Amino acid sequence: MPLAALHTVGPDLAVDLAVDRLAEELGQWPQVVRPVVQECRQQLSGAPAGALPELVERLARHRLRASVD
């Protein structure tokens, strides 16, 4: 599912989809990725709803990549 289409799904599904994509992309266990994605979701809760799934995934990707480097 493209990121642009995620604004039509609920926040829990958006988190689940981001966890799945990031775990596969970064070669991490979903159990490692999920807390980072959930924290990003919580910290960005004031962002516009339509932009939230993409922003959460981008921030989580940035944090997960920085922790590997």
PDB file of N, CA and C in Angstrom:
ATOM      1  N   MET A   1       0.849  -1.175   0.000  1.00  0.00           N
ATOM      2  CA  MET A   1       0.000   0.000   0.000  1.00  0.00           C
ATOM      3  C   MET A   1       0.896   1.241   0.000  1.00  0.00           C
ATOM      4  N   PRO A   2       0.698   2.156  -0.929  1.00  0.00           N
ATOM      5  CA  PRO A   2       1.509   3.371  -0.967  1.00  0.00           C
ATOM      6  C   PRO A   2       1.263   4.233   0.262  1.00  0.00           C
ATOM      7  N   LEU A   3       2.275   4.982   0.644  1.00  0.00           N
ATOM      8  CA  LEU A   3       2.136   5.853   1.813  1.00  0.00           C
ATOM      9  C   LEU A   3       0.987   6.834   1.646  1.00  0.00           C
ATOM     10  N   ALA A   4       0.773   7.328   0.439  1.00  0.00           N
ATOM     11  CA  ALA A   4      -0.292   8.305   0.202  1.00  0.00           C
ATOM     12  C   ALA A   4      -1.664   7.740   0.535  1.00  0.00           C
ATOM     13  N   ALA A   5      -1.826   6.441   0.412  1.00  0.00           N
ATOM     14  CA  ALA A   5      -3.121   5.816   0.689  1.00  0.00           C
ATOM     15  C   ALA A   5      -3.335   5.563   2.176  1.00  0.00           C
ATOM     16  N   LEU A   6      -2.318   5.701   2.987  1.00  0.00           N
ATOM     17  CA  LEU A   6      -2.438   5.380   4.412  1.00  0.00           C
ATOM     18  C   LEU A   6      -3.322   6.345   5.178  1.00  0.00           C
ATOM     19  N   HIS A   7      -3.586   7.528   4.648  1.00  0.00           N
ATOM     20  CA  HIS A   7      -4.438   8.468   5.379  1.00  0.00           C
ATOM     21  C   HIS A   7      -5.871   7.948   5.490  1.00  0.00           C
ATOM     22  N   THR A   8      -6.210   6.920   4.719  1.00  0.00           N
ATOM     23  CA  THR A   8      -7.558   6.371   4.761  1.00  0.00           C
ATOM     24  C   THR A   8      -7.692   5.241   5.779  1.00  0.00           C
ATOM     25  N   VAL A   9      -6.603   4.814   6.403  1.00  0.00           N
ATOM     26  CA  VAL A   9      -6.670   3.728   7.386  1.00  0.00           C
ATOM     27  C   VAL A   9      -6.526   4.303   8.786  1.00  0.00           C
ATOM     28  N   GLY A  10      -6.991   3.546   9.766  1.00  0.00           N
ATOM     29  CA  GLY A  10      -6.893   3.989  11.144  1.00  0.00           C
ATOM     30  C   GLY A  10      -5.458   3.999  11.627  1.00  0.00           C
ATOM     31  N   PRO A  11      -5.199   4.712  12.731  1.00  0.00           N
ATOM     32  CA  PRO A  11      -3.833   4.838  13.240  1.00  0.00           C
ATOM     33  C   PRO A  11      -3.196   3.499  13.611  1.00  0.00           C
ATOM     34  N   ASP A  12      -3.976   2.563  14.130  1.00  0.00           N
ATOM     35  CA  ASP A  12      -3.403   1.270  14.506  1.00  0.00           C
ATOM     36  C   ASP A  12      -2.955   0.495  13.278  1.00  0.00           C
ATOM     37  N   LEU A  13      -3.748   0.513  12.234  1.00  0.00           N
ATOM     38  CA  LEU A  13      -3.372  -0.172  11.003  1.00  0.00           C
ATOM     39  C   LEU A  13      -2.170   0.510  10.366  1.00  0.00           C
ATOM     40  N   ALA A  14      -2.125   1.831  10.416  1.00  0.00           N
ATOM     41  CA  ALA A  14      -0.984   2.566   9.866  1.00  0.00           C
ATOM     42  C   ALA A  14       0.296   2.187  10.605  1.00  0.00           C
ATOM     43  N   VAL A  15       0.227   2.047  11.918  1.00  0.00           N
ATOM     44  CA  VAL A  15       1.391   1.626  12.709  1.00  0.00           C
ATOM     45  C   VAL A  15       1.782   0.204  12.318  1.00  0.00           C
ATOM     46  N   ASP A  16       0.804  -0.685  12.212  1.00  0.00           N
ATOM     47  CA  ASP A  16       1.097  -2.078  11.841  1.00  0.00           C
ATOM     48  C   ASP A  16       1.772  -2.157  10.478  1.00  0.00           C
ATOM     49  N   LEU A  17       1.253  -1.408   9.511  1.00  0.00           N
ATOM     50  CA  LEU A  17       1.832  -1.428   8.169  1.00  0.00           C
ATOM     51  C   LEU A  17       3.245  -0.853   8.166  1.00  0.00           C
ATOM     52  N   ALA A  18       3.458   0.217   8.929  1.00  0.00           N
ATOM     53  CA  ALA A  18       4.796   0.811   9.014  1.00  0.00           C
ATOM     54  C   ALA A  18       5.770  -0.163   9.657  1.00  0.00           C
ATOM     55  N   VAL A  19       5.337  -0.847  10.694  1.00  0.00           N
ATOM     56  CA  VAL A  19       6.191  -1.836  11.358  1.00  0.00           C
ATOM     57  C   VAL A  19       6.581  -2.931  10.372  1.00  0.00           C
ATOM     58  N   ASP A  20       5.623  -3.435   9.630  1.00  0.00           N
ATOM     59  CA  ASP A  20       5.908  -4.497   8.656  1.00  0.00           C
ATOM     60  C   ASP A  20       6.910  -4.032   7.602  1.00  0.00           C
ATOM     61  N   ARG A  21       6.678  -2.849   7.033  1.00  0.00           N
ATOM     62  CA  ARG A  21       7.578  -2.344   5.986  1.00  0.00           C
ATOM     63  C   ARG A  21       8.975  -2.089   6.510  1.00  0.00           C
ATOM     64  N   LEU A  22       9.066  -1.431   7.656  1.00  0.00           N
ATOM     65  CA  LEU A  22      10.377  -1.079   8.202  1.00  0.00           C
ATOM     66  C   LEU A  22      11.153  -2.312   8.658  1.00  0.00           C
ATOM     67  N   ALA A  23      10.467  -3.267   9.248  1.00  0.00           N
ATOM     68  CA  ALA A  23      11.144  -4.501   9.682  1.00  0.00           C
ATOM     69  C   ALA A  23      11.753  -5.206   8.480  1.00  0.00           C
ATOM     70  N   GLU A  24      10.989  -5.296   7.400  1.00  0.00           N
ATOM     71  CA  GLU A  24      11.502  -5.955   6.198  1.00  0.00           C
ATOM     72  C   GLU A  24      12.618  -5.125   5.562  1.00  0.00           C
ATOM     73  N   GLU A  25      12.395  -3.831   5.423  1.00  0.00           N
ATOM     74  CA  GLU A  25      13.384  -2.953   4.784  1.00  0.00           C
ATOM     75  C   GLU A  25      14.711  -2.937   5.522  1.00  0.00           C
ATOM     76  N   LEU A  26      14.659  -2.897   6.834  1.00  0.00           N
ATOM     77  CA  LEU A  26      15.871  -2.745   7.634  1.00  0.00           C
ATOM     78  C   LEU A  26      16.406  -4.075   8.174  1.00  0.00           C
ATOM     79  N   GLY A  27      15.706  -5.161   7.891  1.00  0.00           N
ATOM     80  CA  GLY A  27      16.162  -6.462   8.374  1.00  0.00           C
ATOM     81  C   GLY A  27      16.120  -6.575   9.887  1.00  0.00           C
ATOM     82  N   GLN A  28      15.119  -5.964  10.495  1.00  0.00           N
ATOM     83  CA  GLN A  28      14.958  -5.987  11.954  1.00  0.00           C
ATOM     84  C   GLN A  28      13.748  -6.831  12.326  1.00  0.00           C
ATOM     85  N   TRP A  29      13.728  -7.317  13.540  1.00  0.00           N
ATOM     86  CA  TRP A  29      12.566  -8.016  14.065  1.00  0.00           C
ATOM     87  C   TRP A  29      11.451  -7.005  14.304  1.00  0.00           C
ATOM     88  N   PRO A  30      10.204  -7.361  14.000  1.00  0.00           N
ATOM     89  CA  PRO A  30       9.085  -6.452  14.270  1.00  0.00           C
ATOM     90  C   PRO A  30       9.002  -6.031  15.740  1.00  0.00           C
ATOM     91  N   GLN A  31       9.429  -6.915  16.640  1.00  0.00           N
ATOM     92  CA  GLN A  31       9.396  -6.587  18.069  1.00  0.00           C
ATOM     93  C   GLN A  31      10.359  -5.450  18.412  1.00  0.00           C
ATOM     94  N   VAL A  32      11.387  -5.269  17.595  1.00  0.00           N
ATOM     95  CA  VAL A  32      12.344  -4.182  17.792  1.00  0.00           C
ATOM     96  C   VAL A  32      11.803  -2.896  17.173  1.00  0.00           C
ATOM     97  N   VAL A  33      11.142  -3.028  16.039  1.00  0.00           N
ATOM     98  CA  VAL A  33      10.664  -1.870  15.284  1.00  0.00           C
ATOM     99  C   VAL A  33       9.414  -1.257  15.910  1.00  0.00           C
ATOM    100  N   ARG A  34       8.497  -2.098  16.387  1.00  0.00           N
ATOM    101  CA  ARG A  34       7.198  -1.610  16.881  1.00  0.00           C
ATOM    102  C   ARG A  34       7.308  -0.534  17.956  1.00  0.00           C
ATOM    103  N   PRO A  35       8.132  -0.689  18.997  1.00  0.00           N
ATOM    104  CA  PRO A  35       8.190   0.365  20.021  1.00  0.00           C
ATOM    105  C   PRO A  35       8.662   1.714  19.455  1.00  0.00           C
ATOM    106  N   VAL A  36       9.565   1.673  18.499  1.00  0.00           N
ATOM    107  CA  VAL A  36      10.061   2.909  17.887  1.00  0.00           C
ATOM    108  C   VAL A  36       8.938   3.577  17.098  1.00  0.00           C
ATOM    109  N   VAL A  37       8.209   2.789  16.310  1.00  0.00           N
ATOM    110  CA  VAL A  37       7.101   3.330  15.521  1.00  0.00           C
ATOM    111  C   VAL A  37       6.013   3.880  16.441  1.00  0.00           C
ATOM    112  N   GLN A  38       5.685   3.167  17.493  1.00  0.00           N
ATOM    113  CA  GLN A  38       4.653   3.630  18.424  1.00  0.00           C
ATOM    114  C   GLN A  38       5.070   4.921  19.129  1.00  0.00           C
ATOM    115  N   GLU A  39       6.332   5.019  19.498  1.00  0.00           N
ATOM    116  CA  GLU A  39       6.812   6.246  20.134  1.00  0.00           C
ATOM    117  C   GLU A  39       6.739   7.424  19.159  1.00  0.00           C
ATOM    118  N   CYS A  40       7.134   7.192  17.922  1.00  0.00           N
ATOM    119  CA  CYS A  40       7.053   8.250  16.904  1.00  0.00           C
ATOM    120  C   CYS A  40       5.603   8.670  16.692  1.00  0.00           C
ATOM    121  N   ARG A  41       4.704   7.705  16.654  1.00  0.00           N
ATOM    122  CA  ARG A  41       3.268   7.992  16.477  1.00  0.00           C
ATOM    123  C   ARG A  41       2.767   8.869  17.609  1.00  0.00           C
ATOM    124  N   GLN A  42       3.166   8.547  18.808  1.00  0.00           N
ATOM    125  CA  GLN A  42       2.732   9.316  19.970  1.00  0.00           C
ATOM    126  C   GLN A  42       3.310  10.730  19.940  1.00  0.00           C
ATOM    127  N   GLN A  43       4.572  10.859  19.584  1.00  0.00           N
ATOM    128  CA  GLN A  43       5.214  12.167  19.564  1.00  0.00           C
ATOM    129  C   GLN A  43       4.685  13.066  18.456  1.00  0.00           C
ATOM    130  N   LEU A  44       4.172  12.484  17.396  1.00  0.00           N
ATOM    131  CA  LEU A  44       3.652  13.263  16.274  1.00  0.00           C
ATOM    132  C   LEU A  44       2.124  13.377  16.304  1.00  0.00           C
ATOM    133  N   SER A  45       1.513  13.119  17.417  1.00  0.00           N
ATOM    134  CA  SER A  45       0.052  13.097  17.500  1.00  0.00           C
ATOM    135  C   SER A  45      -0.592  14.432  17.152  1.00  0.00           C
ATOM    136  N   GLY A  46       0.141  15.523  17.200  1.00  0.00           N
ATOM    137  CA  GLY A  46      -0.417  16.832  16.864  1.00  0.00           C
ATOM    138  C   GLY A  46      -0.348  17.154  15.389  1.00  0.00           C
ATOM    139  N   ALA A  47       0.257  16.288  14.595  1.00  0.00           N
ATOM    140  CA  ALA A  47       0.380  16.519  13.146  1.00  0.00           C
ATOM    141  C   ALA A  47      -0.977  16.290  12.478  1.00  0.00           C
ATOM    142  N   PRO A  48      -1.172  16.889  11.312  1.00  0.00           N
ATOM    143  CA  PRO A  48      -2.429  16.667  10.585  1.00  0.00           C
ATOM    144  C   PRO A  48      -2.639  15.175  10.308  1.00  0.00           C
ATOM    145  N   ALA A  49      -3.866  14.714  10.478  1.00  0.00           N
ATOM    146  CA  ALA A  49      -4.175  13.291  10.364  1.00  0.00           C
ATOM    147  C   ALA A  49      -3.761  12.705   9.021  1.00  0.00           C
ATOM    148  N   GLY A  50      -3.940  13.427   7.949  1.00  0.00           N
ATOM    149  CA  GLY A  50      -3.592  12.914   6.630  1.00  0.00           C
ATOM    150  C   GLY A  50      -2.109  12.695   6.441  1.00  0.00           C
ATOM    151  N   ALA A  51      -1.305  13.481   7.130  1.00  0.00           N
ATOM    152  CA  ALA A  51       0.153  13.377   6.992  1.00  0.00           C
ATOM    153  C   ALA A  51       0.765  12.439   8.023  1.00  0.00           C
ATOM    154  N   LEU A  52       0.016  12.096   9.024  1.00  0.00           N
ATOM    155  CA  LEU A  52       0.555  11.348  10.157  1.00  0.00           C
ATOM    156  C   LEU A  52       1.192  10.012   9.786  1.00  0.00           C
ATOM    157  N   PRO A  53       0.560   9.151   8.995  1.00  0.00           N
ATOM    158  CA  PRO A  53       1.210   7.860   8.698  1.00  0.00           C
ATOM    159  C   PRO A  53       2.575   8.016   8.024  1.00  0.00           C
ATOM    160  N   GLU A  54       2.661   8.913   7.064  1.00  0.00           N
ATOM    161  CA  GLU A  54       3.942   9.103   6.373  1.00  0.00           C
ATOM    162  C   GLU A  54       4.990   9.704   7.309  1.00  0.00           C
ATOM    163  N   LEU A  55       4.598  10.688   8.103  1.00  0.00           N
ATOM    164  CA  LEU A  55       5.544  11.307   9.028  1.00  0.00           C
ATOM    165  C   LEU A  55       6.055  10.308  10.062  1.00  0.00           C
ATOM    166  N   VAL A  56       5.159   9.496  10.572  1.00  0.00           N
ATOM    167  CA  VAL A  56       5.546   8.490  11.567  1.00  0.00           C
ATOM    168  C   VAL A  56       6.553   7.516  10.961  1.00  0.00           C
ATOM    169  N   GLU A  57       6.256   7.038   9.764  1.00  0.00           N
ATOM    170  CA  GLU A  57       7.161   6.078   9.138  1.00  0.00           C
ATOM    171  C   GLU A  57       8.524   6.703   8.834  1.00  0.00           C
ATOM    172  N   ARG A  58       8.531   7.920   8.351  1.00  0.00           N
ATOM    173  CA  ARG A  58       9.812   8.584   8.055  1.00  0.00           C
ATOM    174  C   ARG A  58      10.641   8.795   9.311  1.00  0.00           C
ATOM    175  N   LEU A  59       9.998   9.262  10.382  1.00  0.00           N
ATOM    176  CA  LEU A  59      10.722   9.492  11.627  1.00  0.00           C
ATOM    177  C   LEU A  59      11.242   8.179  12.201  1.00  0.00           C
ATOM    178  N   ALA A  60      10.416   7.156  12.189  1.00  0.00           N
ATOM    179  CA  ALA A  60      10.842   5.851  12.705  1.00  0.00           C
ATOM    180  C   ALA A  60      11.995   5.294  11.878  1.00  0.00           C
ATOM    181  N   ARG A  61      11.932   5.433  10.555  1.00  0.00           N
ATOM    182  CA  ARG A  61      13.008   4.958   9.688  1.00  0.00           C
ATOM    183  C   ARG A  61      14.306   5.675  10.032  1.00  0.00           C
ATOM    184  N   HIS A  62      14.216   6.975  10.212  1.00  0.00           N
ATOM    185  CA  HIS A  62      15.401   7.777  10.554  1.00  0.00           C
ATOM    186  C   HIS A  62      16.008   7.299  11.879  1.00  0.00           C
ATOM    187  N   ARG A  63      15.171   7.114  12.875  1.00  0.00           N
ATOM    188  CA  ARG A  63      15.663   6.686  14.194  1.00  0.00           C
ATOM    189  C   ARG A  63      16.234   5.273  14.154  1.00  0.00           C
ATOM    190  N   LEU A  64      15.579   4.380  13.437  1.00  0.00           N
ATOM    191  CA  LEU A  64      16.064   3.007  13.361  1.00  0.00           C
ATOM    192  C   LEU A  64      17.389   2.937  12.601  1.00  0.00           C
ATOM    193  N   ARG A  65      17.508   3.687  11.547  1.00  0.00           N
ATOM    194  CA  ARG A  65      18.777   3.694  10.782  1.00  0.00           C
ATOM    195  C   ARG A  65      19.902   4.321  11.612  1.00  0.00           C
ATOM    196  N   ALA A  66      19.585   5.364  12.358  1.00  0.00           N
ATOM    197  CA  ALA A  66      20.604   6.029  13.185  1.00  0.00           C
ATOM    198  C   ALA A  66      21.092   5.094  14.288  1.00  0.00           C
ATOM    199  N   SER A  67      20.219   4.237  14.787  1.00  0.00           N
ATOM    200  CA  SER A  67      20.627   3.318  15.863  1.00  0.00           C
ATOM    201  C   SER A  67      21.529   2.201  15.329  1.00  0.00           C
ATOM    202  N   VAL A  68      21.446   1.921  14.024  1.00  0.00           N
ATOM    203  CA  VAL A  68      22.284   0.883  13.419  1.00  0.00           C
ATOM    204  C   VAL A  68      23.657   1.440  13.069  1.00  0.00           C
ATOM    205  N   ASP A  69      23.717   2.705  12.672  1.00  0.00           N
ATOM    206  CA  ASP A  69      24.986   3.324  12.246  1.00  0.00           C
ATOM    207  C   ASP A  69      25.961   3.517  13.360  1.00  0.00           C
TER     208      ASP A  69
END
